[in-house]
Amino acid sequence: MTLIGADVALWTAESGQPERLVWNGLRYRVSDTPTQLEADTSFVTHLPPMIPAWRFQGTTDMGDSLIFDVGFDSSLQRWCLLNTYR
């Protein structure tokens, strides 16, 4: 399932790594090691500014898990859900 631009609440460690996320009324705790995503710049001539983006597995208290891709929208000053995977 792909949901581009959905707002999420994301808590991060001092290092910037995600620790927990609230989306669609559910709290997910990060249950693996988050991976920082890099932009695909193979098709551009001028690199865009680095946008923090992460992929991680989140698990609810009920044991349901999803893989999340999130990115920080600096113009809106909030985290957005880019993709989810089962």
Protein backbone atom coordinates (compact mmCIF):
# COMPACT_ATOMS: atom_id res chain seq x y z
CA MET A 1 0.00 0.00 0.00
CA THR A 2 1.33 3.45 -0.83
CA LEU A 3 0.21 6.57 1.01
CA ILE A 4 2.11 9.63 -0.12
CA GLY A 5 1.98 12.69 2.10
CA ALA A 6 -0.02 11.35 5.05
CA ASP A 7 1.00 13.13 8.26
CA VAL A 8 2.46 11.06 11.08
CA ALA A 9 3.70 11.81 14.58
CA LEU A 10 7.27 10.57 14.86
CA TRP A 11 9.52 10.50 17.92
CA THR A 12 13.24 10.24 17.37
CA ALA A 13 16.33 9.58 19.46
CA GLU A 14 18.97 12.29 19.85
CA SER A 15 20.76 10.68 16.90
CA GLY A 16 17.67 11.35 14.74
CA GLN A 17 16.70 7.67 14.42
CA PRO A 18 12.97 6.95 14.72
CA GLU A 19 11.80 5.33 17.96
CA ARG A 20 8.01 5.34 17.66
CA LEU A 21 5.30 6.53 15.33
CA VAL A 22 1.58 7.26 15.56
CA TRP A 23 -0.39 6.86 12.35
CA ASN A 24 -4.06 6.28 11.72
CA GLY A 25 -4.76 6.23 15.47
CA LEU A 26 -2.26 3.45 16.23
CA ARG A 27 1.09 3.62 18.01
CA TYR A 28 3.97 1.67 16.49
CA ARG A 29 7.25 1.09 18.27
CA VAL A 30 10.30 0.72 16.05
CA SER A 31 11.10 -2.99 16.20
CA ASP A 32 14.21 -3.19 14.01
CA THR A 33 17.21 -1.04 13.12
CA PRO A 34 16.04 1.97 11.07
CA THR A 35 17.77 2.57 7.73
CA GLN A 36 18.31 6.09 6.47
CA LEU A 37 16.99 6.43 2.92
CA GLU A 38 18.90 8.27 0.23
CA ALA A 39 17.30 10.18 -2.62
CA ASP A 40 17.69 8.80 -6.12
CA THR A 41 19.83 11.49 -7.74
CA SER A 42 20.77 9.57 -10.88
CA PHE A 43 18.52 11.73 -13.03
CA VAL A 44 19.30 15.23 -11.71
CA THR A 45 22.12 17.62 -12.45
CA HIS A 46 21.85 19.62 -9.22
CA LEU A 47 21.56 17.74 -5.95
CA PRO A 48 18.59 18.68 -3.75
CA PRO A 49 19.18 19.43 -0.07
CA MET A 50 19.28 16.28 2.06
CA ILE A 51 15.85 15.43 3.43
CA PRO A 52 15.80 13.15 6.45
CA ALA A 53 14.01 9.94 5.44
CA TRP A 54 13.90 6.55 7.15
CA ARG A 55 12.68 2.99 6.60
CA PHE A 56 11.88 0.85 9.62
CA GLN A 57 9.57 -1.83 10.95
CA GLY A 58 6.98 -0.67 13.44
CA THR A 59 4.98 -2.98 15.69
CA THR A 60 1.82 -2.22 17.68
CA ASP A 61 1.21 -3.42 21.24
CA MET A 62 -1.08 -6.04 19.64
CA GLY A 63 1.81 -7.44 17.58
CA ASP A 64 0.80 -6.11 14.15
CA SER A 65 3.82 -4.98 12.11
CA LEU A 66 4.33 -2.78 9.06
CA ILE A 67 7.36 -1.42 7.26
CA PHE A 68 7.29 2.38 7.08
CA ASP A 69 9.06 4.89 4.86
CA VAL A 70 8.87 8.37 6.40
CA GLY A 71 10.36 11.69 5.38
CA PHE A 72 10.59 15.13 6.95
CA ASP A 73 8.89 17.91 4.99
CA SER A 74 11.00 20.93 5.88
CA SER A 75 8.59 23.42 4.28
CA LEU A 76 5.72 22.17 6.47
CA GLN A 77 7.95 21.21 9.44
CA ARG A 78 6.37 17.79 9.88
CA TRP A 79 6.97 14.11 9.19
CA CYS A 80 5.07 12.48 6.34
CA LEU A 81 4.36 8.86 5.58
CA LEU A 82 5.80 8.03 2.18
CA ASN A 83 5.03 4.29 1.92
CA THR A 84 3.96 1.31 3.97
CA TYR A 85 4.63 -2.37 3.28
CA ARG A 86 3.36 -5.57 4.84
